[in-house]
């Protein structure tokens, strides 16, 4: 394998770590931002919309 391919495989296997929010490289920053967004969405929950039906009850 060439160096670029090996580097791509290494980056693809990265997971968020607590230290990522303090790192300066772009991958660490991206992982930290994505982790924060997912965490916020999970904590906030989902607001289910009311679906209005023509002939029947709203669900």
Protein backbone atom coordinates (compact mmCIF):
# COMPACT_ATOMS: atom_id res chain seq x y z
CA UNK A 1 0.00 0.00 0.00
CA UNK A 2 1.15 3.54 -0.64
CA UNK A 3 1.49 6.17 2.10
CA UNK A 4 -1.71 8.04 1.16
CA UNK A 5 -3.76 4.86 1.37
CA UNK A 6 -2.29 3.97 4.76
CA UNK A 7 -2.97 7.50 6.06
CA UNK A 8 -6.57 7.31 4.80
CA UNK A 9 -7.12 4.02 6.61
CA UNK A 10 -5.64 5.48 9.79
CA UNK A 11 -7.93 8.53 9.63
CA UNK A 12 -11.01 6.46 8.81
CA UNK A 13 -10.53 4.44 11.98
CA UNK A 14 -10.30 7.45 14.30
CA UNK A 15 -12.82 7.79 17.09
CA UNK A 16 -13.63 10.77 19.28
CA UNK A 17 -11.47 11.11 22.35
CA UNK A 18 -11.89 13.66 25.12
CA UNK A 19 -8.56 15.28 24.22
CA UNK A 20 -9.79 16.02 20.67
CA UNK A 21 -11.45 19.24 21.81
CA UNK A 22 -8.03 20.60 22.79
CA UNK A 23 -6.08 19.46 19.72
CA UNK A 24 -5.29 21.77 16.83
CA UNK A 25 -5.42 19.42 13.83
CA UNK A 26 -8.51 19.53 11.61
CA UNK A 27 -9.56 15.90 12.16
CA UNK A 28 -9.59 16.31 15.94
CA UNK A 29 -11.56 19.54 15.68
CA UNK A 30 -14.08 17.93 13.31
CA UNK A 31 -14.54 14.94 15.62
CA UNK A 32 -15.04 17.23 18.62
CA UNK A 33 -17.61 19.37 16.78
CA UNK A 34 -19.51 16.33 15.49
CA UNK A 35 -19.49 14.77 18.96
CA UNK A 36 -20.90 17.97 20.45
CA UNK A 37 -23.65 18.19 17.80
CA UNK A 38 -24.71 14.57 18.31
CA UNK A 39 -24.62 14.98 22.07
CA UNK A 40 -26.77 18.13 21.88
CA UNK A 41 -29.29 16.44 19.59
CA UNK A 42 -29.46 13.39 21.88
CA UNK A 43 -29.97 15.47 25.02
CA UNK A 44 -32.52 17.74 23.33
CA UNK A 45 -34.53 14.82 22.00
CA UNK A 46 -36.86 14.77 19.04
CA UNK A 47 -40.03 16.75 18.77
CA UNK A 48 -42.49 14.66 16.79
CA UNK A 49 -44.59 16.75 14.42
CA UNK A 50 -48.35 16.44 14.29
CA UNK A 51 -49.38 14.98 10.95
CA UNK A 52 -52.74 16.31 9.85
CA UNK A 53 -54.78 13.79 7.92
CA UNK A 54 -57.55 14.78 5.50
CA UNK A 55 -60.16 12.32 6.69
CA UNK A 56 -59.33 11.20 10.17
CA UNK A 57 -57.56 11.89 13.39
CA UNK A 58 -54.40 13.91 13.63
CA UNK A 59 -51.45 11.75 14.61
